[in-house]
Amino acid sequence: DFVSGPRVINAETKARMKDILSEIQDGTFIQHWVAEYDAGLP
């Protein structure tokens, strides 16, 4: 856990998490989800 966990989930992973959070906060995710739902969920 100690030596391998940080190699799998690293600073780059955390940066992607921050990107995901930003897209939730600014409404990007919900805009995409509403458009996907309205299009019939392809």
PDB file of all heavy atoms in Angstrom:
ATOM      1  N   ASP A   1       0.844  -1.201   0.000  1.00  0.00           N
ATOM      2  CA  ASP A   1       0.000   0.000   0.000  1.00  0.00           C
ATOM      3  C   ASP A   1       0.878   1.250   0.000  1.00  0.00           C
ATOM      4  O   ASP A   1       0.706   2.160  -0.823  1.00  0.00           O
ATOM      5  CB  ASP A   1      -0.890  -0.054   1.247  1.00  0.00           C
ATOM      6  CG  ASP A   1      -1.733   1.194   1.483  1.00  0.00           C
ATOM      7  OD1 ASP A   1      -1.376   2.281   1.006  1.00  0.00           O
ATOM      8  OD2 ASP A   1      -2.751   1.081   2.185  1.00  0.00           O
ATOM      9  N   PHE A   2       1.852   1.284   0.913  1.00  0.00           N
ATOM     10  CA  PHE A   2       2.670   2.480   1.090  1.00  0.00           C
ATOM     11  C   PHE A   2       3.515   2.817  -0.139  1.00  0.00           C
ATOM     12  O   PHE A   2       3.644   3.980  -0.508  1.00  0.00           O
ATOM     13  CB  PHE A   2       3.593   2.308   2.302  1.00  0.00           C
ATOM     14  CG  PHE A   2       2.867   2.013   3.585  1.00  0.00           C
ATOM     15  CD1 PHE A   2       3.469   1.225   4.573  1.00  0.00           C
ATOM     16  CD2 PHE A   2       1.594   2.509   3.828  1.00  0.00           C
ATOM     17  CE1 PHE A   2       2.814   0.952   5.760  1.00  0.00           C
ATOM     18  CE2 PHE A   2       0.924   2.232   5.015  1.00  0.00           C
ATOM     19  CZ  PHE A   2       1.539   1.451   5.983  1.00  0.00           C
ATOM     20  N   VAL A   3       4.107   1.785  -0.767  1.00  0.00           N
ATOM     21  CA  VAL A   3       5.054   2.066  -1.857  1.00  0.00           C
ATOM     22  C   VAL A   3       4.404   2.066  -3.237  1.00  0.00           C
ATOM     23  O   VAL A   3       4.916   2.713  -4.161  1.00  0.00           O
ATOM     24  CB  VAL A   3       6.231   1.059  -1.843  1.00  0.00           C
ATOM     25  CG1 VAL A   3       6.983   1.148  -0.522  1.00  0.00           C
ATOM     26  CG2 VAL A   3       5.759  -0.364  -2.104  1.00  0.00           C
ATOM     27  N   SER A   4       3.283   1.353  -3.399  1.00  0.00           N
ATOM     28  CA  SER A   4       2.686   1.236  -4.735  1.00  0.00           C
ATOM     29  C   SER A   4       1.449   2.098  -4.930  1.00  0.00           C
ATOM     30  O   SER A   4       1.178   2.546  -6.055  1.00  0.00           O
ATOM     31  CB  SER A   4       2.331  -0.224  -5.030  1.00  0.00           C
ATOM     32  OG  SER A   4       3.492  -1.029  -5.019  1.00  0.00           O
ATOM     33  N   GLY A   5       0.697   2.333  -3.856  1.00  0.00           N
ATOM     34  CA  GLY A   5      -0.498   3.165  -3.975  1.00  0.00           C
ATOM     35  C   GLY A   5      -0.223   4.516  -4.608  1.00  0.00           C
ATOM     36  O   GLY A   5      -0.899   4.924  -5.561  1.00  0.00           O
ATOM     37  N   PRO A   6       0.809   5.258  -4.141  1.00  0.00           N
ATOM     38  CA  PRO A   6       1.107   6.567  -4.719  1.00  0.00           C
ATOM     39  C   PRO A   6       1.591   6.506  -6.164  1.00  0.00           C
ATOM     40  O   PRO A   6       1.617   7.540  -6.847  1.00  0.00           O
ATOM     41  CB  PRO A   6       2.221   7.097  -3.792  1.00  0.00           C
ATOM     42  CG  PRO A   6       2.024   6.358  -2.499  1.00  0.00           C
ATOM     43  CD  PRO A   6       1.592   4.989  -2.912  1.00  0.00           C
ATOM     44  N   ARG A   7       1.994   5.321  -6.631  1.00  0.00           N
ATOM     45  CA  ARG A   7       2.406   5.203  -8.035  1.00  0.00           C
ATOM     46  C   ARG A   7       1.187   5.051  -8.955  1.00  0.00           C
ATOM     47  O   ARG A   7       1.241   5.425 -10.126  1.00  0.00           O
ATOM     48  CB  ARG A   7       3.343   4.004  -8.204  1.00  0.00           C
ATOM     49  CG  ARG A   7       4.644   4.132  -7.427  1.00  0.00           C
ATOM     50  CD  ARG A   7       5.423   2.837  -7.465  1.00  0.00           C
ATOM     51  NE  ARG A   7       5.840   2.482  -8.818  1.00  0.00           N
ATOM     52  CZ  ARG A   7       6.340   1.294  -9.154  1.00  0.00           C
ATOM     53  NH1 ARG A   7       6.463   0.344  -8.226  1.00  0.00           N
ATOM     54  NH2 ARG A   7       6.703   1.051 -10.389  1.00  0.00           N
ATOM     55  N   VAL A   8       0.125   4.492  -8.405  1.00  0.00           N
ATOM     56  CA  VAL A   8      -1.108   4.330  -9.185  1.00  0.00           C
ATOM     57  C   VAL A   8      -1.944   5.603  -9.136  1.00  0.00           C
ATOM     58  O   VAL A   8      -2.413   6.109 -10.156  1.00  0.00           O
ATOM     59  CB  VAL A   8      -1.934   3.136  -8.651  1.00  0.00           C
ATOM     60  CG1 VAL A   8      -3.252   3.017  -9.408  1.00  0.00           C
ATOM     61  CG2 VAL A   8      -1.133   1.847  -8.759  1.00  0.00           C
ATOM     62  N   ILE A   9      -2.139   6.114  -7.940  1.00  0.00           N
ATOM     63  CA  ILE A   9      -2.882   7.361  -7.750  1.00  0.00           C
ATOM     64  C   ILE A   9      -1.863   8.422  -7.360  1.00  0.00           C
ATOM     65  O   ILE A   9      -1.452   8.526  -6.202  1.00  0.00           O
ATOM     66  CB  ILE A   9      -3.961   7.219  -6.650  1.00  0.00           C
ATOM     67  CG1 ILE A   9      -4.853   6.009  -6.932  1.00  0.00           C
ATOM     68  CG2 ILE A   9      -4.774   8.499  -6.535  1.00  0.00           C
ATOM     69  CD1 ILE A   9      -5.636   6.094  -8.230  1.00  0.00           C
ATOM     70  N   ASN A  10      -1.452   9.219  -8.330  1.00  0.00           N
ATOM     71  CA  ASN A  10      -0.359  10.169  -8.112  1.00  0.00           C
ATOM     72  C   ASN A  10      -0.822  11.608  -8.339  1.00  0.00           C
ATOM     73  O   ASN A  10      -2.019  11.886  -8.436  1.00  0.00           O
ATOM     74  CB  ASN A  10       0.824   9.825  -9.022  1.00  0.00           C
ATOM     75  CG  ASN A  10       0.405   9.743 -10.488  1.00  0.00           C
ATOM     76  OD1 ASN A  10      -0.602  10.331 -10.890  1.00  0.00           O
ATOM     77  ND2 ASN A  10       1.168   9.004 -11.276  1.00  0.00           N
ATOM     78  N   ALA A  11       0.128  12.515  -8.434  1.00  0.00           N
ATOM     79  CA  ALA A  11      -0.201  13.931  -8.604  1.00  0.00           C
ATOM     80  C   ALA A  11      -0.984  14.176  -9.892  1.00  0.00           C
ATOM     81  O   ALA A  11      -1.869  15.043  -9.941  1.00  0.00           O
ATOM     82  CB  ALA A  11       1.083  14.761  -8.597  1.00  0.00           C
ATOM     83  N   GLU A  12      -0.656  13.411 -10.933  1.00  0.00           N
ATOM     84  CA  GLU A  12      -1.379  13.562 -12.195  1.00  0.00           C
ATOM     85  C   GLU A  12      -2.841  13.140 -12.031  1.00  0.00           C
ATOM     86  O   GLU A  12      -3.749  13.784 -12.568  1.00  0.00           O
ATOM     87  CB  GLU A  12      -0.712  12.725 -13.291  1.00  0.00           C
ATOM     88  CG  GLU A  12      -1.343  12.911 -14.658  1.00  0.00           C
ATOM     89  CD  GLU A  12      -0.645  12.111 -15.739  1.00  0.00           C
ATOM     90  OE1 GLU A  12       0.428  11.532 -15.457  1.00  0.00           O
ATOM     91  OE2 GLU A  12      -1.177  12.051 -16.865  1.00  0.00           O
ATOM     92  N   THR A  13      -3.066  12.060 -11.290  1.00  0.00           N
ATOM     93  CA  THR A  13      -4.432  11.611 -11.024  1.00  0.00           C
ATOM     94  C   THR A  13      -5.202  12.691 -10.268  1.00  0.00           C
ATOM     95  O   THR A  13      -6.357  12.985 -10.585  1.00  0.00           O
ATOM     96  CB  THR A  13      -4.424  10.320 -10.192  1.00  0.00           C
ATOM     97  OG1 THR A  13      -3.548   9.371 -10.787  1.00  0.00           O
ATOM     98  CG2 THR A  13      -5.822   9.739 -10.084  1.00  0.00           C
ATOM     99  N   LYS A  14      -4.572  13.268  -9.267  1.00  0.00           N
ATOM    100  CA  LYS A  14      -5.228  14.317  -8.485  1.00  0.00           C
ATOM    101  C   LYS A  14      -5.537  15.532  -9.352  1.00  0.00           C
ATOM    102  O   LYS A  14      -6.591  16.183  -9.182  1.00  0.00           O
ATOM    103  CB  LYS A  14      -4.341  14.714  -7.308  1.00  0.00           C
ATOM    104  CG  LYS A  14      -5.032  15.618  -6.305  1.00  0.00           C
ATOM    105  CD  LYS A  14      -4.169  15.844  -5.080  1.00  0.00           C
ATOM    106  CE  LYS A  14      -4.847  16.774  -4.087  1.00  0.00           C
ATOM    107  NZ  LYS A  14      -4.008  17.003  -2.874  1.00  0.00           N
ATOM    108  N   ALA A  15      -4.656  15.835 -10.305  1.00  0.00           N
ATOM    109  CA  ALA A  15      -4.905  16.957 -11.220  1.00  0.00           C
ATOM    110  C   ALA A  15      -6.146  16.687 -12.072  1.00  0.00           C
ATOM    111  O   ALA A  15      -6.947  17.596 -12.332  1.00  0.00           O
ATOM    112  CB  ALA A  15      -3.686  17.193 -12.112  1.00  0.00           C
ATOM    113  N   ARG A  16      -6.314  15.409 -12.513  1.00  0.00           N
ATOM    114  CA  ARG A  16      -7.515  15.048 -13.289  1.00  0.00           C
ATOM    115  C   ARG A  16      -8.756  15.164 -12.411  1.00  0.00           C
ATOM    116  O   ARG A  16      -9.827  15.548 -12.877  1.00  0.00           O
ATOM    117  CB  ARG A  16      -7.385  13.635 -13.838  1.00  0.00           C
ATOM    118  CG  ARG A  16      -6.226  13.362 -14.769  1.00  0.00           C
ATOM    119  CD  ARG A  16      -6.350  14.065 -16.125  1.00  0.00           C
ATOM    120  NE  ARG A  16      -6.060  15.491 -16.049  1.00  0.00           N
ATOM    121  CZ  ARG A  16      -4.837  16.004 -15.921  1.00  0.00           C
ATOM    122  NH1 ARG A  16      -3.784  15.195 -15.851  1.00  0.00           N
ATOM    123  NH2 ARG A  16      -4.655  17.315 -15.871  1.00  0.00           N
ATOM    124  N   MET A  17      -8.614  14.820 -11.131  1.00  0.00           N
ATOM    125  CA  MET A  17      -9.736  14.964 -10.207  1.00  0.00           C
ATOM    126  C   MET A  17     -10.140  16.430 -10.081  1.00  0.00           C
ATOM    127  O   MET A  17     -11.337  16.761 -10.038  1.00  0.00           O
ATOM    128  CB  MET A  17      -9.365  14.409  -8.826  1.00  0.00           C
ATOM    129  CG  MET A  17      -9.310  12.897  -8.748  1.00  0.00           C
ATOM    130  SD  MET A  17      -8.975  12.365  -7.038  1.00  0.00           S
ATOM    131  CE  MET A  17      -9.283  10.602  -7.160  1.00  0.00           C
ATOM    132  N   LYS A  18      -9.149  17.311 -10.028  1.00  0.00           N
ATOM    133  CA  LYS A  18      -9.443  18.742  -9.939  1.00  0.00           C
ATOM    134  C   LYS A  18     -10.152  19.229 -11.196  1.00  0.00           C
ATOM    135  O   LYS A  18     -11.038  20.097 -11.133  1.00  0.00           O
ATOM    136  CB  LYS A  18      -8.164  19.530  -9.702  1.00  0.00           C
ATOM    137  CG  LYS A  18      -7.575  19.326  -8.311  1.00  0.00           C
ATOM    138  CD  LYS A  18      -6.327  20.180  -8.092  1.00  0.00           C
ATOM    139  CE  LYS A  18      -5.798  20.022  -6.671  1.00  0.00           C
ATOM    140  NZ  LYS A  18      -4.580  20.842  -6.435  1.00  0.00           N
ATOM    141  N   ASP A  19      -9.773  18.671 -12.355  1.00  0.00           N
ATOM    142  CA  ASP A  19     -10.450  19.028 -13.609  1.00  0.00           C
ATOM    143  C   ASP A  19     -11.919  18.607 -13.551  1.00  0.00           C
ATOM    144  O   ASP A  19     -12.813  19.351 -13.974  1.00  0.00           O
ATOM    145  CB  ASP A  19      -9.777  18.339 -14.794  1.00  0.00           C
ATOM    146  CG  ASP A  19      -8.393  18.898 -15.097  1.00  0.00           C
ATOM    147  OD1 ASP A  19      -8.092  20.018 -14.624  1.00  0.00           O
ATOM    148  OD2 ASP A  19      -7.619  18.203 -15.777  1.00  0.00           O
ATOM    149  N   ILE A  20     -12.149  17.391 -13.044  1.00  0.00           N
ATOM    150  CA  ILE A  20     -13.524  16.881 -12.923  1.00  0.00           C
ATOM    151  C   ILE A  20     -14.332  17.776 -11.997  1.00  0.00           C
ATOM    152  O   ILE A  20     -15.480  18.142 -12.300  1.00  0.00           O
ATOM    153  CB  ILE A  20     -13.508  15.433 -12.411  1.00  0.00           C
ATOM    154  CG1 ILE A  20     -12.944  14.499 -13.486  1.00  0.00           C
ATOM    155  CG2 ILE A  20     -14.900  14.979 -11.988  1.00  0.00           C
ATOM    156  CD1 ILE A  20     -12.647  13.098 -12.997  1.00  0.00           C
ATOM    157  N   LEU A  21     -13.742  18.166 -10.860  1.00  0.00           N
ATOM    158  CA  LEU A  21     -14.434  19.029  -9.910  1.00  0.00           C
ATOM    159  C   LEU A  21     -14.753  20.387 -10.541  1.00  0.00           C
ATOM    160  O   LEU A  21     -15.855  20.924 -10.367  1.00  0.00           O
ATOM    161  CB  LEU A  21     -13.593  19.217  -8.649  1.00  0.00           C
ATOM    162  CG  LEU A  21     -14.204  20.115  -7.561  1.00  0.00           C
ATOM    163  CD1 LEU A  21     -15.561  19.590  -7.116  1.00  0.00           C
ATOM    164  CD2 LEU A  21     -13.257  20.227  -6.366  1.00  0.00           C
ATOM    165  N   SER A  22     -13.816  20.934 -11.289  1.00  0.00           N
ATOM    166  CA  SER A  22     -14.038  22.232 -11.940  1.00  0.00           C
ATOM    167  C   SER A  22     -15.201  22.161 -12.922  1.00  0.00           C
ATOM    168  O   SER A  22     -16.020  23.090 -13.009  1.00  0.00           O
ATOM    169  CB  SER A  22     -12.768  22.691 -12.665  1.00  0.00           C
ATOM    170  OG  SER A  22     -11.729  22.967 -11.745  1.00  0.00           O
ATOM    171  N   GLU A  23     -15.287  21.059 -13.675  1.00  0.00           N
ATOM    172  CA  GLU A  23     -16.368  20.902 -14.647  1.00  0.00           C
ATOM    173  C   GLU A  23     -17.722  20.731 -13.963  1.00  0.00           C
ATOM    174  O   GLU A  23     -18.759  21.101 -14.523  1.00  0.00           O
ATOM    175  CB  GLU A  23     -16.073  19.710 -15.557  1.00  0.00           C
ATOM    176  CG  GLU A  23     -14.906  19.955 -16.494  1.00  0.00           C
ATOM    177  CD  GLU A  23     -14.489  18.715 -17.258  1.00  0.00           C
ATOM    178  OE1 GLU A  23     -15.134  17.653 -17.074  1.00  0.00           O
ATOM    179  OE2 GLU A  23     -13.521  18.798 -18.043  1.00  0.00           O
ATOM    180  N   ILE A  24     -17.705  20.173 -12.767  1.00  0.00           N
ATOM    181  CA  ILE A  24     -18.947  20.089 -11.982  1.00  0.00           C
ATOM    182  C   ILE A  24     -19.326  21.477 -11.478  1.00  0.00           C
ATOM    183  O   ILE A  24     -20.476  21.914 -11.599  1.00  0.00           O
ATOM    184  CB  ILE A  24     -18.767  19.119 -10.797  1.00  0.00           C
ATOM    185  CG1 ILE A  24     -18.630  17.679 -11.300  1.00  0.00           C
ATOM    186  CG2 ILE A  24     -19.940  19.232  -9.823  1.00  0.00           C
ATOM    187  CD1 ILE A  24     -18.202  16.683 -10.236  1.00  0.00           C
ATOM    188  N   GLN A  25     -18.357  22.197 -10.942  1.00  0.00           N
ATOM    189  CA  GLN A  25     -18.618  23.503 -10.340  1.00  0.00           C
ATOM    190  C   GLN A  25     -19.088  24.539 -11.362  1.00  0.00           C
ATOM    191  O   GLN A  25     -19.987  25.336 -11.070  1.00  0.00           O
ATOM    192  CB  GLN A  25     -17.357  24.017  -9.641  1.00  0.00           C
ATOM    193  CG  GLN A  25     -16.951  23.214  -8.416  1.00  0.00           C
ATOM    194  CD  GLN A  25     -15.590  23.615  -7.883  1.00  0.00           C
ATOM    195  OE1 GLN A  25     -14.687  23.967  -8.648  1.00  0.00           O
ATOM    196  NE2 GLN A  25     -15.429  23.566  -6.567  1.00  0.00           N
ATOM    197  N   ASP A  26     -18.489  24.539 -12.553  1.00  0.00           N
ATOM    198  CA  ASP A  26     -18.854  25.574 -13.529  1.00  0.00           C
ATOM    199  C   ASP A  26     -20.052  25.194 -14.404  1.00  0.00           C
ATOM    200  O   ASP A  26     -20.453  25.949 -15.292  1.00  0.00           O
ATOM    201  CB  ASP A  26     -17.653  25.953 -14.411  1.00  0.00           C
ATOM    202  CG  ASP A  26     -17.163  24.822 -15.315  1.00  0.00           C
ATOM    203  OD1 ASP A  26     -17.927  23.865 -15.576  1.00  0.00           O
ATOM    204  OD2 ASP A  26     -16.002  24.902 -15.784  1.00  0.00           O
ATOM    205  N   GLY A  27     -20.625  24.011 -14.153  1.00  0.00           N
ATOM    206  CA  GLY A  27     -21.824  23.613 -14.879  1.00  0.00           C
ATOM    207  C   GLY A  27     -21.581  22.844 -16.161  1.00  0.00           C
ATOM    208  O   GLY A  27     -22.533  22.433 -16.831  1.00  0.00           O
ATOM    209  N   THR A  28     -20.313  22.621 -16.520  1.00  0.00           N
ATOM    210  CA  THR A  28     -20.009  21.900 -17.763  1.00  0.00           C
ATOM    211  C   THR A  28     -20.594  20.495 -17.748  1.00  0.00           C
ATOM    212  O   THR A  28     -21.216  20.045 -18.721  1.00  0.00           O
ATOM    213  CB  THR A  28     -18.491  21.824 -17.984  1.00  0.00           C
ATOM    214  OG1 THR A  28     -17.954  23.147 -18.089  1.00  0.00           O
ATOM    215  CG2 THR A  28     -18.163  21.048 -19.263  1.00  0.00           C
ATOM    216  N   PHE A  29     -20.400  19.786 -16.637  1.00  0.00           N
ATOM    217  CA  PHE A  29     -20.905  18.416 -16.567  1.00  0.00           C
ATOM    218  C   PHE A  29     -22.413  18.369 -16.729  1.00  0.00           C
ATOM    219  O   PHE A  29     -22.939  17.564 -17.507  1.00  0.00           O
ATOM    220  CB  PHE A  29     -20.516  17.755 -15.241  1.00  0.00           C
ATOM    221  CG  PHE A  29     -21.262  16.468 -14.995  1.00  0.00           C
ATOM    222  CD1 PHE A  29     -20.916  15.300 -15.673  1.00  0.00           C
ATOM    223  CD2 PHE A  29     -22.355  16.421 -14.131  1.00  0.00           C
ATOM    224  CE1 PHE A  29     -21.629  14.119 -15.487  1.00  0.00           C
ATOM    225  CE2 PHE A  29     -23.067  15.246 -13.931  1.00  0.00           C
ATOM    226  CZ  PHE A  29     -22.699  14.085 -14.617  1.00  0.00           C
ATOM    227  N   ILE A  30     -23.140  19.222 -16.005  1.00  0.00           N
ATOM    228  CA  ILE A  30     -24.602  19.149 -16.065  1.00  0.00           C
ATOM    229  C   ILE A  30     -25.113  19.563 -17.435  1.00  0.00           C
ATOM    230  O   ILE A  30     -26.119  19.028 -17.931  1.00  0.00           O
ATOM    231  CB  ILE A  30     -25.248  19.986 -14.933  1.00  0.00           C
ATOM    232  CG1 ILE A  30     -26.710  19.563 -14.736  1.00  0.00           C
ATOM    233  CG2 ILE A  30     -25.139  21.459 -15.204  1.00  0.00           C
ATOM    234  CD1 ILE A  30     -26.883  18.134 -14.288  1.00  0.00           C
ATOM    235  N   GLN A  31     -24.431  20.493 -18.095  1.00  0.00           N
ATOM    236  CA  GLN A  31     -24.823  20.869 -19.457  1.00  0.00           C
ATOM    237  C   GLN A  31     -24.698  19.684 -20.397  1.00  0.00           C
ATOM    238  O   GLN A  31     -25.592  19.411 -21.215  1.00  0.00           O
ATOM    239  CB  GLN A  31     -23.955  22.027 -19.955  1.00  0.00           C
ATOM    240  CG  GLN A  31     -24.232  23.359 -19.267  1.00  0.00           C
ATOM    241  CD  GLN A  31     -23.240  24.432 -19.665  1.00  0.00           C
ATOM    242  OE1 GLN A  31     -22.432  24.249 -20.577  1.00  0.00           O
ATOM    243  NE2 GLN A  31     -23.289  25.557 -18.967  1.00  0.00           N
ATOM    244  N   HIS A  32     -23.587  18.956 -20.292  1.00  0.00           N
ATOM    245  CA  HIS A  32     -23.387  17.771 -21.132  1.00  0.00           C
ATOM    246  C   HIS A  32     -24.401  16.685 -20.809  1.00  0.00           C
ATOM    247  O   HIS A  32     -24.916  16.013 -21.714  1.00  0.00           O
ATOM    248  CB  HIS A  32     -21.971  17.235 -20.943  1.00  0.00           C
ATOM    249  CG  HIS A  32     -20.908  18.127 -21.505  1.00  0.00           C
ATOM    250  ND1 HIS A  32     -19.558  17.933 -21.268  1.00  0.00           N
ATOM    251  CD2 HIS A  32     -20.985  19.226 -22.299  1.00  0.00           C
ATOM    252  CE1 HIS A  32     -18.869  18.861 -21.884  1.00  0.00           C
ATOM    253  NE2 HIS A  32     -19.701  19.663 -22.507  1.00  0.00           N
ATOM    254  N   TRP A  33     -24.696  16.506 -19.518  1.00  0.00           N
ATOM    255  CA  TRP A  33     -25.626  15.452 -19.099  1.00  0.00           C
ATOM    256  C   TRP A  33     -27.051  15.758 -19.584  1.00  0.00           C
ATOM    257  O   TRP A  33     -27.752  14.880 -20.075  1.00  0.00           O
ATOM    258  CB  TRP A  33     -25.576  15.289 -17.595  1.00  0.00           C
ATOM    259  CG  TRP A  33     -26.546  14.329 -16.969  1.00  0.00           C
ATOM    260  CD1 TRP A  33     -27.178  14.499 -15.784  1.00  0.00           C
ATOM    261  CD2 TRP A  33     -26.969  13.038 -17.442  1.00  0.00           C
ATOM    262  NE1 TRP A  33     -27.976  13.415 -15.485  1.00  0.00           N
ATOM    263  CE2 TRP A  33     -27.868  12.496 -16.504  1.00  0.00           C
ATOM    264  CE3 TRP A  33     -26.684  12.295 -18.583  1.00  0.00           C
ATOM    265  CZ2 TRP A  33     -28.494  11.261 -16.653  1.00  0.00           C
ATOM    266  CZ3 TRP A  33     -27.298  11.043 -18.741  1.00  0.00           C
ATOM    267  CH2 TRP A  33     -28.192  10.549 -17.788  1.00  0.00           C
ATOM    268  N   VAL A  34     -27.470  17.007 -19.470  1.00  0.00           N
ATOM    269  CA  VAL A  34     -28.807  17.383 -19.944  1.00  0.00           C
ATOM    270  C   VAL A  34     -28.905  17.195 -21.457  1.00  0.00           C
ATOM    271  O   VAL A  34     -29.904  16.668 -21.971  1.00  0.00           O
ATOM    272  CB  VAL A  34     -29.131  18.844 -19.557  1.00  0.00           C
ATOM    273  CG1 VAL A  34     -30.408  19.320 -20.249  1.00  0.00           C
ATOM    274  CG2 VAL A  34     -29.292  18.964 -18.041  1.00  0.00           C
ATOM    275  N   ALA A  35     -27.871  17.611 -22.181  1.00  0.00           N
ATOM    276  CA  ALA A  35     -27.874  17.449 -23.639  1.00  0.00           C
ATOM    277  C   ALA A  35     -27.910  15.973 -24.023  1.00  0.00           C
ATOM    278  O   ALA A  35     -28.614  15.580 -24.960  1.00  0.00           O
ATOM    279  CB  ALA A  35     -26.639  18.125 -24.236  1.00  0.00           C
ATOM    280  N   GLU A  36     -27.157  15.153 -23.296  1.00  0.00           N
ATOM    281  CA  GLU A  36     -27.141  13.712 -23.559  1.00  0.00           C
ATOM    282  C   GLU A  36     -28.518  13.101 -23.300  1.00  0.00           C
ATOM    283  O   GLU A  36     -29.014  12.293 -24.099  1.00  0.00           O
ATOM    284  CB  GLU A  36     -26.098  13.045 -22.657  1.00  0.00           C
ATOM    285  CG  GLU A  36     -26.059  11.528 -22.699  1.00  0.00           C
ATOM    286  CD  GLU A  36     -25.519  10.964 -24.003  1.00  0.00           C
ATOM    287  OE1 GLU A  36     -24.909  11.729 -24.785  1.00  0.00           O
ATOM    288  OE2 GLU A  36     -25.710   9.760 -24.250  1.00  0.00           O
ATOM    289  N   TYR A  37     -29.138  13.491 -22.218  1.00  0.00           N
ATOM    290  CA  TYR A  37     -30.459  12.961 -21.860  1.00  0.00           C
ATOM    291  C   TYR A  37     -31.503  13.366 -22.900  1.00  0.00           C
ATOM    292  O   TYR A  37     -32.303  12.542 -23.350  1.00  0.00           O
ATOM    293  CB  TYR A  37     -30.859  13.461 -20.477  1.00  0.00           C
ATOM    294  CG  TYR A  37     -32.104  12.814 -19.933  1.00  0.00           C
ATOM    295  CD1 TYR A  37     -32.036  11.607 -19.236  1.00  0.00           C
ATOM    296  CD2 TYR A  37     -33.352  13.402 -20.111  1.00  0.00           C
ATOM    297  CE1 TYR A  37     -33.175  11.002 -18.734  1.00  0.00           C
ATOM    298  CE2 TYR A  37     -34.502  12.808 -19.618  1.00  0.00           C
ATOM    299  CZ  TYR A  37     -34.407  11.605 -18.926  1.00  0.00           C
ATOM    300  OH  TYR A  37     -35.550  11.019 -18.443  1.00  0.00           O
ATOM    301  N   ASP A  38     -31.470  14.643 -23.284  1.00  0.00           N
ATOM    302  CA  ASP A  38     -32.443  15.144 -24.257  1.00  0.00           C
ATOM    303  C   ASP A  38     -32.260  14.513 -25.636  1.00  0.00           C
ATOM    304  O   ASP A  38     -33.212  14.425 -26.419  1.00  0.00           O
ATOM    305  CB  ASP A  38     -32.338  16.670 -24.377  1.00  0.00           C
ATOM    306  CG  ASP A  38     -32.841  17.387 -23.127  1.00  0.00           C
ATOM    307  OD1 ASP A  38     -33.545  16.742 -22.323  1.00  0.00           O
ATOM    308  OD2 ASP A  38     -32.521  18.581 -22.957  1.00  0.00           O
ATOM    309  N   ALA A  39     -31.040  14.062 -25.937  1.00  0.00           N
ATOM    310  CA  ALA A  39     -30.758  13.436 -27.237  1.00  0.00           C
ATOM    311  C   ALA A  39     -31.133  11.955 -27.261  1.00  0.00           C
ATOM    312  O   ALA A  39     -30.961  11.285 -28.285  1.00  0.00           O
ATOM    313  CB  ALA A  39     -29.286  13.609 -27.587  1.00  0.00           C
ATOM    314  N   GLY A  40     -31.634  11.439 -26.157  1.00  0.00           N
ATOM    315  CA  GLY A  40     -32.017  10.029 -26.117  1.00  0.00           C
ATOM    316  C   GLY A  40     -30.957   9.102 -25.557  1.00  0.00           C
ATOM    317  O   GLY A  40     -31.035   7.882 -25.738  1.00  0.00           O
ATOM    318  N   LEU A  41     -29.915   9.651 -24.913  1.00  0.00           N
ATOM    319  CA  LEU A  41     -28.869   8.879 -24.230  1.00  0.00           C
ATOM    320  C   LEU A  41     -28.021   7.998 -25.156  1.00  0.00           C
ATOM    321  O   LEU A  41     -27.653   6.878 -24.780  1.00  0.00           O
ATOM    322  CB  LEU A  41     -29.495   7.989 -23.145  1.00  0.00           C
ATOM    323  CG  LEU A  41     -30.345   8.697 -22.091  1.00  0.00           C
ATOM    324  CD1 LEU A  41     -31.040   7.683 -21.185  1.00  0.00           C
ATOM    325  CD2 LEU A  41     -29.494   9.642 -21.259  1.00  0.00           C
ATOM    326  N   PRO A  42     -27.629   8.466 -26.344  1.00  0.00           N
ATOM    327  CA  PRO A  42     -26.834   7.615 -27.234  1.00  0.00           C
ATOM    328  C   PRO A  42     -25.477   7.221 -26.672  1.00  0.00           C
ATOM    329  O   PRO A  42     -25.076   6.051 -26.745  1.00  0.00           O
ATOM    330  CB  PRO A  42     -26.690   8.477 -28.504  1.00  0.00           C
ATOM    331  CG  PRO A  42     -26.855   9.885 -28.016  1.00  0.00           C
ATOM    332  CD  PRO A  42     -27.866   9.799 -26.928  1.00  0.00           C
TER     333      PRO A  42
END
